[in-house]
Protein backbone atom coordinates (compact mmCIF):
# COMPACT_ATOMS: atom_id res chain seq x y z
CA MET A 1 3.36 1.43 1.34
CA VAL A 2 3.96 3.33 4.55
CA ARG A 3 6.31 6.06 5.63
CA ILE A 4 9.38 5.38 7.72
CA GLY A 5 7.75 6.51 10.98
CA GLU A 6 4.91 4.01 10.63
CA ALA A 7 7.34 1.26 9.66
CA ALA A 8 9.48 2.09 12.71
CA LYS A 9 6.43 1.93 14.97
CA THR A 10 5.48 -1.47 13.52
CA PHE A 11 9.00 -2.82 14.08
CA GLY A 12 9.30 -1.27 17.55
CA ALA A 13 12.40 0.64 16.47
CA SER A 14 13.38 4.23 15.80
CA SER A 15 13.24 5.79 12.34
CA GLU A 16 17.03 6.03 12.38
CA THR A 17 17.31 2.29 13.03
CA VAL A 18 14.99 1.54 10.11
CA ARG A 19 17.17 3.76 7.90
CA ARG A 20 20.29 1.84 9.00
CA TRP A 21 18.57 -1.48 8.28
CA GLU A 22 17.70 -0.27 4.79
CA ILE A 23 21.23 1.02 4.12
CA SER A 24 22.77 -2.25 5.34
CA GLY A 25 20.41 -4.29 3.14
CA LYS A 26 18.47 -5.98 5.97
CA ILE A 27 15.20 -4.55 4.63
CA SER A 28 14.20 -2.91 1.37
CA CYS A 29 12.13 0.09 0.52
CA GLU A 30 10.85 1.97 -2.48
CA ARG A 31 11.46 5.65 -3.06
CA THR A 32 8.89 8.23 -4.03
CA PRO A 33 9.73 10.67 -6.84
CA GLY A 34 10.71 13.09 -4.05
CA GLY A 35 13.16 10.56 -2.60
CA GLN A 36 11.16 9.59 0.50
CA ARG A 37 11.26 5.99 1.68
CA ARG A 38 8.14 3.82 1.54
CA TYR A 39 7.98 0.37 3.12
CA ASP A 40 5.72 -2.55 2.25
CA LEU A 41 4.92 -3.95 5.70
CA ALA A 42 3.34 -7.15 4.44
CA ALA A 43 6.45 -7.98 2.41
CA LEU A 44 8.84 -7.10 5.24
CA ARG A 45 7.01 -8.95 8.02
CA PRO A 46 4.88 -11.71 6.48
CA ASP A 47 5.05 -13.63 9.78
CA LYS A 48 3.48 -10.75 11.67
CA PHE A 49 0.80 -10.10 9.09
CA GLY A 50 -0.10 -13.74 8.49
CA ILE A 51 0.54 -13.64 4.77
CA ASP A 52 0.80 -17.37 4.21
CA SER A 53 -2.54 -18.34 2.70
CA PRO A 54 -3.08 -17.19 -0.89
CA THR A 55 -6.66 -18.49 -0.88
CA ARG A 56 -8.28 -15.18 0.03
CA ARG A 57 -7.45 -11.76 -1.37
CA THR A 58 -8.83 -8.34 -0.53
CA VAL A 59 -9.21 -5.54 -3.06
CA ALA A 60 -9.15 -2.10 -1.48
CA TYR A 61 -10.50 0.78 -3.56
CA ALA A 62 -9.35 4.40 -3.42
CA ARG A 63 -10.93 7.12 -5.54
CA VAL A 64 -10.92 10.86 -6.01
CA SER A 65 -12.92 12.78 -8.56
CA SER A 66 -10.38 15.21 -10.01
CA HIS A 67 -6.69 15.55 -10.84
CA ASP A 68 -6.48 18.34 -8.27
CA GLN A 69 -6.99 15.67 -5.61
CA SER A 70 -4.19 13.34 -6.69
CA ALA A 71 -2.34 13.94 -3.40
CA ASP A 72 -5.50 12.83 -1.57
CA LEU A 73 -5.55 9.68 -3.69
CA GLU A 74 -2.00 8.81 -2.64
CA ARG A 75 -2.92 9.32 1.03
CA GLN A 76 -6.00 7.11 0.62
CA GLN A 77 -3.85 4.38 -0.90
CA GLN A 78 -1.37 4.57 1.98
CA VAL A 79 -4.14 4.36 4.59
CA LEU A 80 -5.75 1.40 2.85
CA GLU A 81 -2.43 -0.40 2.46
CA LEU A 82 -1.53 0.12 6.11
CA TYR A 83 -4.95 -1.08 7.25
CA CYS A 84 -4.90 -4.18 5.07
CA ALA A 85 -1.33 -5.04 6.09
CA LYS A 86 -2.16 -4.66 9.79
CA GLN A 87 -5.13 -6.99 9.33
CA GLY A 88 -2.80 -9.58 7.81
CA TRP A 89 -4.68 -9.68 4.53
CA THR A 90 -3.33 -10.51 1.10
CA PHE A 91 -4.50 -7.48 -0.85
CA ASP A 92 -4.37 -5.32 -3.93
CA ILE A 93 -5.02 -1.60 -4.03
CA VAL A 94 -7.11 -0.26 -6.90
CA ALA A 95 -6.86 3.50 -7.38
CA ASP A 96 -9.25 5.50 -9.53
CA LEU A 97 -8.79 9.09 -10.58
CA GLY A 98 -12.25 9.85 -11.94
CA SER A 99 -13.73 12.91 -13.50
CA GLY A 100 -17.02 12.77 -11.63
CA MET A 101 -18.74 13.51 -14.94
CA ASN A 102 -20.26 10.09 -15.57
CA ASP A 103 -21.42 7.04 -13.72
CA HIS A 104 -19.41 4.46 -15.69
CA CYS A 105 -17.67 2.12 -13.30
CA LEU A 106 -14.08 2.23 -14.54
CA PHE A 107 -12.59 0.30 -11.65
CA ARG A 108 -14.39 -3.00 -12.29
CA PRO A 109 -11.96 -4.10 -15.03
CA LEU A 110 -9.08 -3.32 -12.66
CA ILE A 111 -10.62 -5.51 -9.97
CA TRP A 112 -11.17 -8.39 -12.38
CA GLN A 113 -7.61 -7.98 -13.62
CA SER A 114 -6.42 -8.24 -10.03
CA PHE A 115 -8.20 -11.56 -9.58
CA ALA A 116 -7.02 -12.87 -12.94
CA GLN A 117 -3.42 -12.76 -11.64
CA GLU A 118 -4.09 -15.80 -9.44
């Protein structure tokens, strides 16, 4: 999910135009708890991102080691989502908020769960 400015840049339009499109129902967005718009580029422009072949999926992994870094985790997820969407990949984002206290790999079950959805 990307912010309105990045979505506007992708569409070649202004942020205000993207807002009007959303209000008129031409495109959809999700809202953060703070009310900010977030756009899923791959869902909005599947033709541009080449999302037509479900045969290959990418799993992108974001991780921080403490709850104090949860804002960093959200930024990592946004960067990964934007990158994967621009590459035209079908993808899932796996986010891990770890404690850094052990070496148990907690994200592996999430990755396998992602593939089990196929």
